[in-house]
Amino acid sequence: LFESIAEAIRTFNADYPEYACGILLTEE
């Protein structure tokens, strides 16, 4: 699931730059 989530966040940040998430995806 980790890679799928990472890809979804990258797509989200590209589509909605004003709401881009600056938190790096890690287990922690």
mmCIF file of all heavy atoms, coordinates in Angstrom:
data_MODEL
# 
_entry.id   MODEL 
# 
loop_
_atom_site.group_PDB 
_atom_site.id 
_atom_site.type_symbol 
_atom_site.label_atom_id 
_atom_site.label_alt_id 
_atom_site.label_comp_id 
_atom_site.label_asym_id 
_atom_site.label_entity_id 
_atom_site.label_seq_id 
_atom_site.pdbx_PDB_ins_code 
_atom_site.Cartn_x 
_atom_site.Cartn_y 
_atom_site.Cartn_z 
_atom_site.occupancy 
_atom_site.B_iso_or_equiv 
_atom_site.pdbx_formal_charge 
_atom_site.auth_seq_id 
_atom_site.auth_comp_id 
_atom_site.auth_asym_id 
_atom_site.auth_atom_id 
_atom_site.pdbx_PDB_model_num 
ATOM 1   N N   . LEU A 1 1  ? 0.815  -1.206 0.000   1.00 0.00 ? 1  LEU A N   1 
ATOM 2   C CA  . LEU A 1 1  ? 0.000  0.000  0.000   1.00 0.00 ? 1  LEU A CA  1 
ATOM 3   C C   . LEU A 1 1  ? 0.853  1.263  0.000   1.00 0.00 ? 1  LEU A C   1 
ATOM 4   O O   . LEU A 1 1  ? 0.403  2.321  -0.438  1.00 0.00 ? 1  LEU A O   1 
ATOM 5   C CB  . LEU A 1 1  ? -0.919 0.021  1.227   1.00 0.00 ? 1  LEU A CB  1 
ATOM 6   C CG  . LEU A 1 1  ? -2.097 -0.958 1.226   1.00 0.00 ? 1  LEU A CG  1 
ATOM 7   C CD1 . LEU A 1 1  ? -2.790 -0.958 2.579   1.00 0.00 ? 1  LEU A CD1 1 
ATOM 8   C CD2 . LEU A 1 1  ? -3.088 -0.584 0.133   1.00 0.00 ? 1  LEU A CD2 1 
ATOM 9   N N   . PHE A 1 2  ? 2.075  1.114  0.504   1.00 0.00 ? 2  PHE A N   1 
ATOM 10  C CA  . PHE A 1 2  ? 2.934  2.280  0.670   1.00 0.00 ? 2  PHE A CA  1 
ATOM 11  C C   . PHE A 1 2  ? 3.177  2.993  -0.651  1.00 0.00 ? 2  PHE A C   1 
ATOM 12  O O   . PHE A 1 2  ? 3.027  4.216  -0.755  1.00 0.00 ? 2  PHE A O   1 
ATOM 13  C CB  . PHE A 1 2  ? 4.276  1.834  1.286   1.00 0.00 ? 2  PHE A CB  1 
ATOM 14  C CG  . PHE A 1 2  ? 5.164  2.976  1.673   1.00 0.00 ? 2  PHE A CG  1 
ATOM 15  C CD1 . PHE A 1 2  ? 5.079  3.558  2.927   1.00 0.00 ? 2  PHE A CD1 1 
ATOM 16  C CD2 . PHE A 1 2  ? 6.105  3.486  0.770   1.00 0.00 ? 2  PHE A CD2 1 
ATOM 17  C CE1 . PHE A 1 2  ? 5.900  4.616  3.279   1.00 0.00 ? 2  PHE A CE1 1 
ATOM 18  C CE2 . PHE A 1 2  ? 6.925  4.545  1.114   1.00 0.00 ? 2  PHE A CE2 1 
ATOM 19  C CZ  . PHE A 1 2  ? 6.822  5.107  2.378   1.00 0.00 ? 2  PHE A CZ  1 
ATOM 20  N N   . GLU A 1 3  ? 3.538  2.241  -1.692  1.00 0.00 ? 3  GLU A N   1 
ATOM 21  C CA  . GLU A 1 3  ? 3.842  2.842  -2.993  1.00 0.00 ? 3  GLU A CA  1 
ATOM 22  C C   . GLU A 1 3  ? 2.596  3.453  -3.626  1.00 0.00 ? 3  GLU A C   1 
ATOM 23  O O   . GLU A 1 3  ? 2.652  4.501  -4.273  1.00 0.00 ? 3  GLU A O   1 
ATOM 24  C CB  . GLU A 1 3  ? 4.455  1.807  -3.923  1.00 0.00 ? 3  GLU A CB  1 
ATOM 25  C CG  . GLU A 1 3  ? 5.870  1.415  -3.555  1.00 0.00 ? 3  GLU A CG  1 
ATOM 26  C CD  . GLU A 1 3  ? 6.813  2.620  -3.557  1.00 0.00 ? 3  GLU A CD  1 
ATOM 27  O OE1 . GLU A 1 3  ? 6.619  3.528  -4.402  1.00 0.00 ? 3  GLU A OE1 1 
ATOM 28  O OE2 . GLU A 1 3  ? 7.701  2.666  -2.702  1.00 0.00 ? 3  GLU A OE2 1 
ATOM 29  N N   . SER A 1 4  ? 1.454  2.786  -3.435  1.00 0.00 ? 4  SER A N   1 
ATOM 30  C CA  . SER A 1 4  ? 0.203  3.332  -3.993  1.00 0.00 ? 4  SER A CA  1 
ATOM 31  C C   . SER A 1 4  ? -0.150 4.669  -3.358  1.00 0.00 ? 4  SER A C   1 
ATOM 32  O O   . SER A 1 4  ? -0.586 5.611  -4.036  1.00 0.00 ? 4  SER A O   1 
ATOM 33  C CB  . SER A 1 4  ? -0.944 2.339  -3.769  1.00 0.00 ? 4  SER A CB  1 
ATOM 34  O OG  . SER A 1 4  ? -0.703 1.126  -4.438  1.00 0.00 ? 4  SER A OG  1 
ATOM 35  N N   . ILE A 1 5  ? 0.057  4.743  -2.044  1.00 0.00 ? 5  ILE A N   1 
ATOM 36  C CA  . ILE A 1 5  ? -0.237 5.993  -1.337  1.00 0.00 ? 5  ILE A CA  1 
ATOM 37  C C   . ILE A 1 5  ? 0.721  7.090  -1.777  1.00 0.00 ? 5  ILE A C   1 
ATOM 38  O O   . ILE A 1 5  ? 0.315  8.241  -2.007  1.00 0.00 ? 5  ILE A O   1 
ATOM 39  C CB  . ILE A 1 5  ? -0.145 5.776  0.190   1.00 0.00 ? 5  ILE A CB  1 
ATOM 40  C CG1 . ILE A 1 5  ? -1.240 4.804  0.651   1.00 0.00 ? 5  ILE A CG1 1 
ATOM 41  C CG2 . ILE A 1 5  ? -0.291 7.106  0.931   1.00 0.00 ? 5  ILE A CG2 1 
ATOM 42  C CD1 . ILE A 1 5  ? -1.114 4.359  2.085   1.00 0.00 ? 5  ILE A CD1 1 
ATOM 43  N N   . ALA A 1 6  ? 1.999  6.743  -1.885  1.00 0.00 ? 6  ALA A N   1 
ATOM 44  C CA  . ALA A 1 6  ? 3.001  7.728  -2.302  1.00 0.00 ? 6  ALA A CA  1 
ATOM 45  C C   . ALA A 1 6  ? 2.669  8.289  -3.679  1.00 0.00 ? 6  ALA A C   1 
ATOM 46  O O   . ALA A 1 6  ? 2.764  9.503  -3.916  1.00 0.00 ? 6  ALA A O   1 
ATOM 47  C CB  . ALA A 1 6  ? 4.388  7.090  -2.296  1.00 0.00 ? 6  ALA A CB  1 
ATOM 48  N N   . GLU A 1 7  ? 2.231  7.413  -4.597  1.00 0.00 ? 7  GLU A N   1 
ATOM 49  C CA  . GLU A 1 7  ? 1.868  7.856  -5.945  1.00 0.00 ? 7  GLU A CA  1 
ATOM 50  C C   . GLU A 1 7  ? 0.611  8.732  -5.907  1.00 0.00 ? 7  GLU A C   1 
ATOM 51  O O   . GLU A 1 7  ? 0.520  9.745  -6.612  1.00 0.00 ? 7  GLU A O   1 
ATOM 52  C CB  . GLU A 1 7  ? 1.622  6.647  -6.841  1.00 0.00 ? 7  GLU A CB  1 
ATOM 53  C CG  . GLU A 1 7  ? 1.207  6.974  -8.271  1.00 0.00 ? 7  GLU A CG  1 
ATOM 54  C CD  . GLU A 1 7  ? 2.248  7.819  -9.010  1.00 0.00 ? 7  GLU A CD  1 
ATOM 55  O OE1 . GLU A 1 7  ? 3.467  7.695  -8.710  1.00 0.00 ? 7  GLU A OE1 1 
ATOM 56  O OE2 . GLU A 1 7  ? 1.841  8.600  -9.903  1.00 0.00 ? 7  GLU A OE2 1 
ATOM 57  N N   . ALA A 1 8  ? -0.350 8.362  -5.064  1.00 0.00 ? 8  ALA A N   1 
ATOM 58  C CA  . ALA A 1 8  ? -1.583 9.146  -4.945  1.00 0.00 ? 8  ALA A CA  1 
ATOM 59  C C   . ALA A 1 8  ? -1.295 10.542 -4.402  1.00 0.00 ? 8  ALA A C   1 
ATOM 60  O O   . ALA A 1 8  ? -1.880 11.533 -4.864  1.00 0.00 ? 8  ALA A O   1 
ATOM 61  C CB  . ALA A 1 8  ? -2.570 8.419  -4.036  1.00 0.00 ? 8  ALA A CB  1 
ATOM 62  N N   . ILE A 1 9  ? -0.368 10.644 -3.447  1.00 0.00 ? 9  ILE A N   1 
ATOM 63  C CA  . ILE A 1 9  ? -0.017 11.954 -2.881  1.00 0.00 ? 9  ILE A CA  1 
ATOM 64  C C   . ILE A 1 9  ? 0.709  12.804 -3.911  1.00 0.00 ? 9  ILE A C   1 
ATOM 65  O O   . ILE A 1 9  ? 0.467  14.013 -4.026  1.00 0.00 ? 9  ILE A O   1 
ATOM 66  C CB  . ILE A 1 9  ? 0.837  11.777 -1.606  1.00 0.00 ? 9  ILE A CB  1 
ATOM 67  C CG1 . ILE A 1 9  ? -0.009 11.155 -0.479  1.00 0.00 ? 9  ILE A CG1 1 
ATOM 68  C CG2 . ILE A 1 9  ? 1.396  13.125 -1.146  1.00 0.00 ? 9  ILE A CG2 1 
ATOM 69  C CD1 . ILE A 1 9  ? 0.785  10.849 0.782   1.00 0.00 ? 9  ILE A CD1 1 
ATOM 70  N N   . ARG A 1 10 ? 1.589  12.184 -4.701  1.00 0.00 ? 10 ARG A N   1 
ATOM 71  C CA  . ARG A 1 10 ? 2.305  12.941 -5.741  1.00 0.00 ? 10 ARG A CA  1 
ATOM 72  C C   . ARG A 1 10 ? 1.298  13.499 -6.767  1.00 0.00 ? 10 ARG A C   1 
ATOM 73  O O   . ARG A 1 10 ? 1.408  14.658 -7.195  1.00 0.00 ? 10 ARG A O   1 
ATOM 74  C CB  . ARG A 1 10 ? 3.329  12.045 -6.435  1.00 0.00 ? 10 ARG A CB  1 
ATOM 75  C CG  . ARG A 1 10 ? 4.597  11.806 -5.618  1.00 0.00 ? 10 ARG A CG  1 
ATOM 76  C CD  . ARG A 1 10 ? 5.688  11.188 -6.469  1.00 0.00 ? 10 ARG A CD  1 
ATOM 77  N NE  . ARG A 1 10 ? 5.351  9.829  -6.890  1.00 0.00 ? 10 ARG A NE  1 
ATOM 78  C CZ  . ARG A 1 10 ? 5.659  8.727  -6.185  1.00 0.00 ? 10 ARG A CZ  1 
ATOM 79  N NH1 . ARG A 1 10 ? 6.294  8.845  -5.019  1.00 0.00 ? 10 ARG A NH1 1 
ATOM 80  N NH2 . ARG A 1 10 ? 5.337  7.539  -6.625  1.00 0.00 ? 10 ARG A NH2 1 
ATOM 81  N N   . THR A 1 11 ? 0.333  12.670 -7.154  1.00 0.00 ? 11 THR A N   1 
ATOM 82  C CA  . THR A 1 11 ? -0.690 13.115 -8.111  1.00 0.00 ? 11 THR A CA  1 
ATOM 83  C C   . THR A 1 11 ? -1.543 14.233 -7.520  1.00 0.00 ? 11 THR A C   1 
ATOM 84  O O   . THR A 1 11 ? -1.856 15.230 -8.188  1.00 0.00 ? 11 THR A O   1 
ATOM 85  C CB  . THR A 1 11 ? -1.600 11.937 -8.515  1.00 0.00 ? 11 THR A CB  1 
ATOM 86  O OG1 . THR A 1 11 ? -0.797 10.902 -9.093  1.00 0.00 ? 11 THR A OG1 1 
ATOM 87  C CG2 . THR A 1 11 ? -2.664 12.375 -9.505  1.00 0.00 ? 11 THR A CG2 1 
ATOM 88  N N   . PHE A 1 12 ? -1.892 14.074 -6.255  1.00 0.00 ? 12 PHE A N   1 
ATOM 89  C CA  . PHE A 1 12 ? -2.708 15.089 -5.570  1.00 0.00 ? 12 PHE A CA  1 
ATOM 90  C C   . PHE A 1 12 ? -1.962 16.424 -5.525  1.00 0.00 ? 12 PHE A C   1 
ATOM 91  O O   . PHE A 1 12 ? -2.542 17.482 -5.820  1.00 0.00 ? 12 PHE A O   1 
ATOM 92  C CB  . PHE A 1 12 ? -3.027 14.619 -4.139  1.00 0.00 ? 12 PHE A CB  1 
ATOM 93  C CG  . PHE A 1 12 ? -3.836 15.613 -3.351  1.00 0.00 ? 12 PHE A CG  1 
ATOM 94  C CD1 . PHE A 1 12 ? -5.215 15.603 -3.384  1.00 0.00 ? 12 PHE A CD1 1 
ATOM 95  C CD2 . PHE A 1 12 ? -3.209 16.578 -2.559  1.00 0.00 ? 12 PHE A CD2 1 
ATOM 96  C CE1 . PHE A 1 12 ? -5.956 16.531 -2.658  1.00 0.00 ? 12 PHE A CE1 1 
ATOM 97  C CE2 . PHE A 1 12 ? -3.936 17.501 -1.837  1.00 0.00 ? 12 PHE A CE2 1 
ATOM 98  C CZ  . PHE A 1 12 ? -5.322 17.481 -1.882  1.00 0.00 ? 12 PHE A CZ  1 
ATOM 99  N N   . ASN A 1 13 ? -0.683 16.395 -5.156  1.00 0.00 ? 13 ASN A N   1 
ATOM 100 C CA  . ASN A 1 13 ? 0.103  17.634 -5.065  1.00 0.00 ? 13 ASN A CA  1 
ATOM 101 C C   . ASN A 1 13 ? 0.218  18.330 -6.410  1.00 0.00 ? 13 ASN A C   1 
ATOM 102 O O   . ASN A 1 13 ? 0.236  19.565 -6.491  1.00 0.00 ? 13 ASN A O   1 
ATOM 103 C CB  . ASN A 1 13 ? 1.490  17.334 -4.507  1.00 0.00 ? 13 ASN A CB  1 
ATOM 104 C CG  . ASN A 1 13 ? 1.456  16.981 -3.025  1.00 0.00 ? 13 ASN A CG  1 
ATOM 105 O OD1 . ASN A 1 13 ? 0.467  17.249 -2.344  1.00 0.00 ? 13 ASN A OD1 1 
ATOM 106 N ND2 . ASN A 1 13 ? 2.528  16.382 -2.518  1.00 0.00 ? 13 ASN A ND2 1 
ATOM 107 N N   . ALA A 1 14 ? 0.286  17.520 -7.484  1.00 0.00 ? 14 ALA A N   1 
ATOM 108 C CA  . ALA A 1 14 ? 0.376  18.098 -8.831  1.00 0.00 ? 14 ALA A CA  1 
ATOM 109 C C   . ALA A 1 14 ? -0.957 18.714 -9.263  1.00 0.00 ? 14 ALA A C   1 
ATOM 110 O O   . ALA A 1 14 ? -0.999 19.781 -9.892  1.00 0.00 ? 14 ALA A O   1 
ATOM 111 C CB  . ALA A 1 14 ? 0.807  17.031 -9.829  1.00 0.00 ? 14 ALA A CB  1 
ATOM 112 N N   . ASP A 1 15 ? -2.074 18.041 -8.909  1.00 0.00 ? 15 ASP A N   1 
ATOM 113 C CA  . ASP A 1 15 ? -3.402 18.528 -9.304  1.00 0.00 ? 15 ASP A CA  1 
ATOM 114 C C   . ASP A 1 15 ? -3.878 19.696 -8.454  1.00 0.00 ? 15 ASP A C   1 
ATOM 115 O O   . ASP A 1 15 ? -4.620 20.571 -8.935  1.00 0.00 ? 15 ASP A O   1 
ATOM 116 C CB  . ASP A 1 15 ? -4.420 17.388 -9.214  1.00 0.00 ? 15 ASP A CB  1 
ATOM 117 C CG  . ASP A 1 15 ? -4.190 16.309 -10.262 1.00 0.00 ? 15 ASP A CG  1 
ATOM 118 O OD1 . ASP A 1 15 ? -3.480 16.596 -11.247 1.00 0.00 ? 15 ASP A OD1 1 
ATOM 119 O OD2 . ASP A 1 15 ? -4.708 15.189 -10.087 1.00 0.00 ? 15 ASP A OD2 1 
ATOM 120 N N   . TYR A 1 16 ? -3.462 19.719 -7.183  1.00 0.00 ? 16 TYR A N   1 
ATOM 121 C CA  . TYR A 1 16 ? -3.917 20.756 -6.249  1.00 0.00 ? 16 TYR A CA  1 
ATOM 122 C C   . TYR A 1 16 ? -2.717 21.378 -5.535  1.00 0.00 ? 16 TYR A C   1 
ATOM 123 O O   . TYR A 1 16 ? -2.511 21.167 -4.329  1.00 0.00 ? 16 TYR A O   1 
ATOM 124 C CB  . TYR A 1 16 ? -4.889 20.160 -5.220  1.00 0.00 ? 16 TYR A CB  1 
ATOM 125 C CG  . TYR A 1 16 ? -6.105 19.505 -5.837  1.00 0.00 ? 16 TYR A CG  1 
ATOM 126 C CD1 . TYR A 1 16 ? -6.149 18.118 -6.034  1.00 0.00 ? 16 TYR A CD1 1 
ATOM 127 C CD2 . TYR A 1 16 ? -7.187 20.268 -6.248  1.00 0.00 ? 16 TYR A CD2 1 
ATOM 128 C CE1 . TYR A 1 16 ? -7.256 17.519 -6.606  1.00 0.00 ? 16 TYR A CE1 1 
ATOM 129 C CE2 . TYR A 1 16 ? -8.309 19.684 -6.826  1.00 0.00 ? 16 TYR A CE2 1 
ATOM 130 C CZ  . TYR A 1 16 ? -8.331 18.302 -7.011  1.00 0.00 ? 16 TYR A CZ  1 
ATOM 131 O OH  . TYR A 1 16 ? -9.438 17.726 -7.589  1.00 0.00 ? 16 TYR A OH  1 
ATOM 132 N N   . PRO A 1 17 ? -1.898 22.153 -6.268  1.00 0.00 ? 17 PRO A N   1 
ATOM 133 C CA  . PRO A 1 17 ? -0.680 22.714 -5.671  1.00 0.00 ? 17 PRO A CA  1 
ATOM 134 C C   . PRO A 1 17 ? -0.955 23.617 -4.477  1.00 0.00 ? 17 PRO A C   1 
ATOM 135 O O   . PRO A 1 17 ? -0.140 23.708 -3.564  1.00 0.00 ? 17 PRO A O   1 
ATOM 136 C CB  . PRO A 1 17 ? -0.049 23.495 -6.830  1.00 0.00 ? 17 PRO A CB  1 
ATOM 137 C CG  . PRO A 1 17 ? -1.161 23.727 -7.805  1.00 0.00 ? 17 PRO A CG  1 
ATOM 138 C CD  . PRO A 1 17 ? -2.052 22.540 -7.685  1.00 0.00 ? 17 PRO A CD  1 
ATOM 139 N N   . GLU A 1 18 ? -2.129 24.283 -4.465  1.00 0.00 ? 18 GLU A N   1 
ATOM 140 C CA  . GLU A 1 18 ? -2.439 25.169 -3.336  1.00 0.00 ? 18 GLU A CA  1 
ATOM 141 C C   . GLU A 1 18 ? -2.734 24.377 -2.068  1.00 0.00 ? 18 GLU A C   1 
ATOM 142 O O   . GLU A 1 18 ? -2.709 24.939 -0.964  1.00 0.00 ? 18 GLU A O   1 
ATOM 143 C CB  . GLU A 1 18 ? -3.633 26.082 -3.684  1.00 0.00 ? 18 GLU A CB  1 
ATOM 144 C CG  . GLU A 1 18 ? -4.951 25.385 -3.901  1.00 0.00 ? 18 GLU A CG  1 
ATOM 145 C CD  . GLU A 1 18 ? -5.178 24.938 -5.348  1.00 0.00 ? 18 GLU A CD  1 
ATOM 146 O OE1 . GLU A 1 18 ? -4.197 24.594 -6.029  1.00 0.00 ? 18 GLU A OE1 1 
ATOM 147 O OE2 . GLU A 1 18 ? -6.325 24.950 -5.777  1.00 0.00 ? 18 GLU A OE2 1 
ATOM 148 N N   . TYR A 1 19 ? -3.040 23.082 -2.223  1.00 0.00 ? 19 TYR A N   1 
ATOM 149 C CA  . TYR A 1 19 ? -3.295 22.221 -1.058  1.00 0.00 ? 19 TYR A CA  1 
ATOM 150 C C   . TYR A 1 19 ? -2.224 21.140 -0.927  1.00 0.00 ? 19 TYR A C   1 
ATOM 151 O O   . TYR A 1 19 ? -2.429 20.130 -0.249  1.00 0.00 ? 19 TYR A O   1 
ATOM 152 C CB  . TYR A 1 19 ? -4.678 21.558 -1.173  1.00 0.00 ? 19 TYR A CB  1 
ATOM 153 C CG  . TYR A 1 19 ? -5.817 22.532 -1.183  1.00 0.00 ? 19 TYR A CG  1 
ATOM 154 C CD1 . TYR A 1 19 ? -6.454 22.878 -2.382  1.00 0.00 ? 19 TYR A CD1 1 
ATOM 155 C CD2 . TYR A 1 19 ? -6.262 23.123 -0.010  1.00 0.00 ? 19 TYR A CD2 1 
ATOM 156 C CE1 . TYR A 1 19 ? -7.509 23.779 -2.395  1.00 0.00 ? 19 TYR A CE1 1 
ATOM 157 C CE2 . TYR A 1 19 ? -7.319 24.026 -0.017  1.00 0.00 ? 19 TYR A CE2 1 
ATOM 158 C CZ  . TYR A 1 19 ? -7.935 24.349 -1.211  1.00 0.00 ? 19 TYR A CZ  1 
ATOM 159 O OH  . TYR A 1 19 ? -8.974 25.247 -1.221  1.00 0.00 ? 19 TYR A OH  1 
ATOM 160 N N   . ALA A 1 20 ? -1.092 21.335 -1.608  1.00 0.00 ? 20 ALA A N   1 
ATOM 161 C CA  . ALA A 1 20 ? -0.038 20.307 -1.633  1.00 0.00 ? 20 ALA A CA  1 
ATOM 162 C C   . ALA A 1 20 ? 0.413  19.940 -0.216  1.00 0.00 ? 20 ALA A C   1 
ATOM 163 O O   . ALA A 1 20 ? 0.582  20.799 0.647   1.00 0.00 ? 20 ALA A O   1 
ATOM 164 C CB  . ALA A 1 20 ? 1.152  20.795 -2.454  1.00 0.00 ? 20 ALA A CB  1 
ATOM 165 N N   . CYS A 1 21 ? 0.573  18.653 -0.005  1.00 0.00 ? 21 CYS A N   1 
ATOM 166 C CA  . CYS A 1 21 ? 0.996  18.137 1.304   1.00 0.00 ? 21 CYS A CA  1 
ATOM 167 C C   . CYS A 1 21 ? 2.522  18.128 1.381   1.00 0.00 ? 21 CYS A C   1 
ATOM 168 O O   . CYS A 1 21 ? 3.197  17.495 0.558   1.00 0.00 ? 21 CYS A O   1 
ATOM 169 C CB  . CYS A 1 21 ? 0.447  16.729 1.512   1.00 0.00 ? 21 CYS A CB  1 
ATOM 170 S SG  . CYS A 1 21 ? 0.974  15.976 3.055   1.00 0.00 ? 21 CYS A SG  1 
ATOM 171 N N   . GLY A 1 22 ? 3.078  18.838 2.368   1.00 0.00 ? 22 GLY A N   1 
ATOM 172 C CA  . GLY A 1 22 ? 4.531  18.919 2.520   1.00 0.00 ? 22 GLY A CA  1 
ATOM 173 C C   . GLY A 1 22 ? 5.103  17.881 3.465   1.00 0.00 ? 22 GLY A C   1 
ATOM 174 O O   . GLY A 1 22 ? 6.303  17.893 3.746   1.00 0.00 ? 22 GLY A O   1 
ATOM 175 N N   . ILE A 1 23 ? 4.254  16.966 3.926   1.00 0.00 ? 23 ILE A N   1 
ATOM 176 C CA  . ILE A 1 23 ? 4.709  15.924 4.850   1.00 0.00 ? 23 ILE A CA  1 
ATOM 177 C C   . ILE A 1 23 ? 5.202  14.732 4.037   1.00 0.00 ? 23 ILE A C   1 
ATOM 178 O O   . ILE A 1 23 ? 4.479  14.188 3.198   1.00 0.00 ? 23 ILE A O   1 
ATOM 179 C CB  . ILE A 1 23 ? 3.573  15.491 5.791   1.00 0.00 ? 23 ILE A CB  1 
ATOM 180 C CG1 . ILE A 1 23 ? 3.013  16.690 6.559   1.00 0.00 ? 23 ILE A CG1 1 
ATOM 181 C CG2 . ILE A 1 23 ? 4.072  14.427 6.784   1.00 0.00 ? 23 ILE A CG2 1 
ATOM 182 C CD1 . ILE A 1 23 ? 1.768  16.380 7.374   1.00 0.00 ? 23 ILE A CD1 1 
ATOM 183 N N   . LEU A 1 24 ? 6.422  14.327 4.276   1.00 0.00 ? 24 LEU A N   1 
ATOM 184 C CA  . LEU A 1 24 ? 7.001  13.194 3.558   1.00 0.00 ? 24 LEU A CA  1 
ATOM 185 C C   . LEU A 1 24 ? 6.411  11.897 4.078   1.00 0.00 ? 24 LEU A C   1 
ATOM 186 O O   . LEU A 1 24 ? 6.310  11.678 5.285   1.00 0.00 ? 24 LEU A O   1 
ATOM 187 C CB  . LEU A 1 24 ? 8.527  13.184 3.736   1.00 0.00 ? 24 LEU A CB  1 
ATOM 188 C CG  . LEU A 1 24 ? 9.289  12.084 2.972   1.00 0.00 ? 24 LEU A CG  1 
ATOM 189 C CD1 . LEU A 1 24 ? 9.131  12.300 1.457   1.00 0.00 ? 24 LEU A CD1 1 
ATOM 190 C CD2 . LEU A 1 24 ? 10.763 12.085 3.369   1.00 0.00 ? 24 LEU A CD2 1 
ATOM 191 N N   . LEU A 1 25 ? 6.002  11.040 3.170   1.00 0.00 ? 25 LEU A N   1 
ATOM 192 C CA  . LEU A 1 25 ? 5.396  9.769  3.555   1.00 0.00 ? 25 LEU A CA  1 
ATOM 193 C C   . LEU A 1 25 ? 6.447  8.799  4.100   1.00 0.00 ? 25 LEU A C   1 
ATOM 194 O O   . LEU A 1 25 ? 7.337  8.361  3.381   1.00 0.00 ? 25 LEU A O   1 
ATOM 195 C CB  . LEU A 1 25 ? 4.678  9.130  2.360   1.00 0.00 ? 25 LEU A CB  1 
ATOM 196 C CG  . LEU A 1 25 ? 4.063  7.743  2.610   1.00 0.00 ? 25 LEU A CG  1 
ATOM 197 C CD1 . LEU A 1 25 ? 3.016  7.809  3.737   1.00 0.00 ? 25 LEU A CD1 1 
ATOM 198 C CD2 . LEU A 1 25 ? 3.450  7.181  1.326   1.00 0.00 ? 25 LEU A CD2 1 
ATOM 199 N N   . THR A 1 26 ? 6.319  8.508  5.357   1.00 0.00 ? 26 THR A N   1 
ATOM 200 C CA  . THR A 1 26 ? 7.148  7.482  6.019   1.00 0.00 ? 26 THR A CA  1 
ATOM 201 C C   . THR A 1 26 ? 6.234  6.733  6.975   1.00 0.00 ? 26 THR A C   1 
ATOM 202 O O   . THR A 1 26 ? 5.112  7.167  7.260   1.00 0.00 ? 26 THR A O   1 
ATOM 203 C CB  . THR A 1 26 ? 8.299  8.114  6.819   1.00 0.00 ? 26 THR A CB  1 
ATOM 204 O OG1 . THR A 1 26 ? 7.752  8.918  7.872   1.00 0.00 ? 26 THR A OG1 1 
ATOM 205 C CG2 . THR A 1 26 ? 9.195  8.972  5.935   1.00 0.00 ? 26 THR A CG2 1 
ATOM 206 N N   . GLU A 1 27 ? 6.719  5.608  7.470   1.00 0.00 ? 27 GLU A N   1 
ATOM 207 C CA  . GLU A 1 27 ? 5.914  4.845  8.424   1.00 0.00 ? 27 GLU A CA  1 
ATOM 208 C C   . GLU A 1 27 ? 5.597  5.676  9.657   1.00 0.00 ? 27 GLU A C   1 
ATOM 209 O O   . GLU A 1 27 ? 4.496  5.606  10.203  1.00 0.00 ? 27 GLU A O   1 
ATOM 210 C CB  . GLU A 1 27 ? 6.658  3.562  8.842   1.00 0.00 ? 27 GLU A CB  1 
ATOM 211 C CG  . GLU A 1 27 ? 6.754  2.519  7.737   1.00 0.00 ? 27 GLU A CG  1 
ATOM 212 C CD  . GLU A 1 27 ? 7.380  1.231  8.234   1.00 0.00 ? 27 GLU A CD  1 
ATOM 213 O OE1 . GLU A 1 27 ? 7.568  1.107  9.464   1.00 0.00 ? 27 GLU A OE1 1 
ATOM 214 O OE2 . GLU A 1 27 ? 7.651  0.358  7.408   1.00 0.00 ? 27 GLU A OE2 1 
ATOM 215 N N   . GLU A 1 28 ? 6.578  6.481  10.087  1.00 0.00 ? 28 GLU A N   1 
ATOM 216 C CA  . GLU A 1 28 ? 6.399  7.288  11.293  1.00 0.00 ? 28 GLU A CA  1 
ATOM 217 C C   . GLU A 1 28 ? 5.424  8.442  11.057  1.00 0.00 ? 28 GLU A C   1 
ATOM 218 O O   . GLU A 1 28 ? 4.755  8.915  11.995  1.00 0.00 ? 28 GLU A O   1 
ATOM 219 C CB  . GLU A 1 28 ? 7.737  7.857  11.766  1.00 0.00 ? 28 GLU A CB  1 
ATOM 220 C CG  . GLU A 1 28 ? 8.726  6.823  12.271  1.00 0.00 ? 28 GLU A CG  1 
ATOM 221 C CD  . GLU A 1 28 ? 9.369  6.052  11.125  1.00 0.00 ? 28 GLU A CD  1 
ATOM 222 O OE1 . GLU A 1 28 ? 9.272  6.522  9.953   1.00 0.00 ? 28 GLU A OE1 1 
ATOM 223 O OE2 . GLU A 1 28 ? 9.939  4.975  11.381  1.00 0.00 ? 28 GLU A OE2 1 
# 
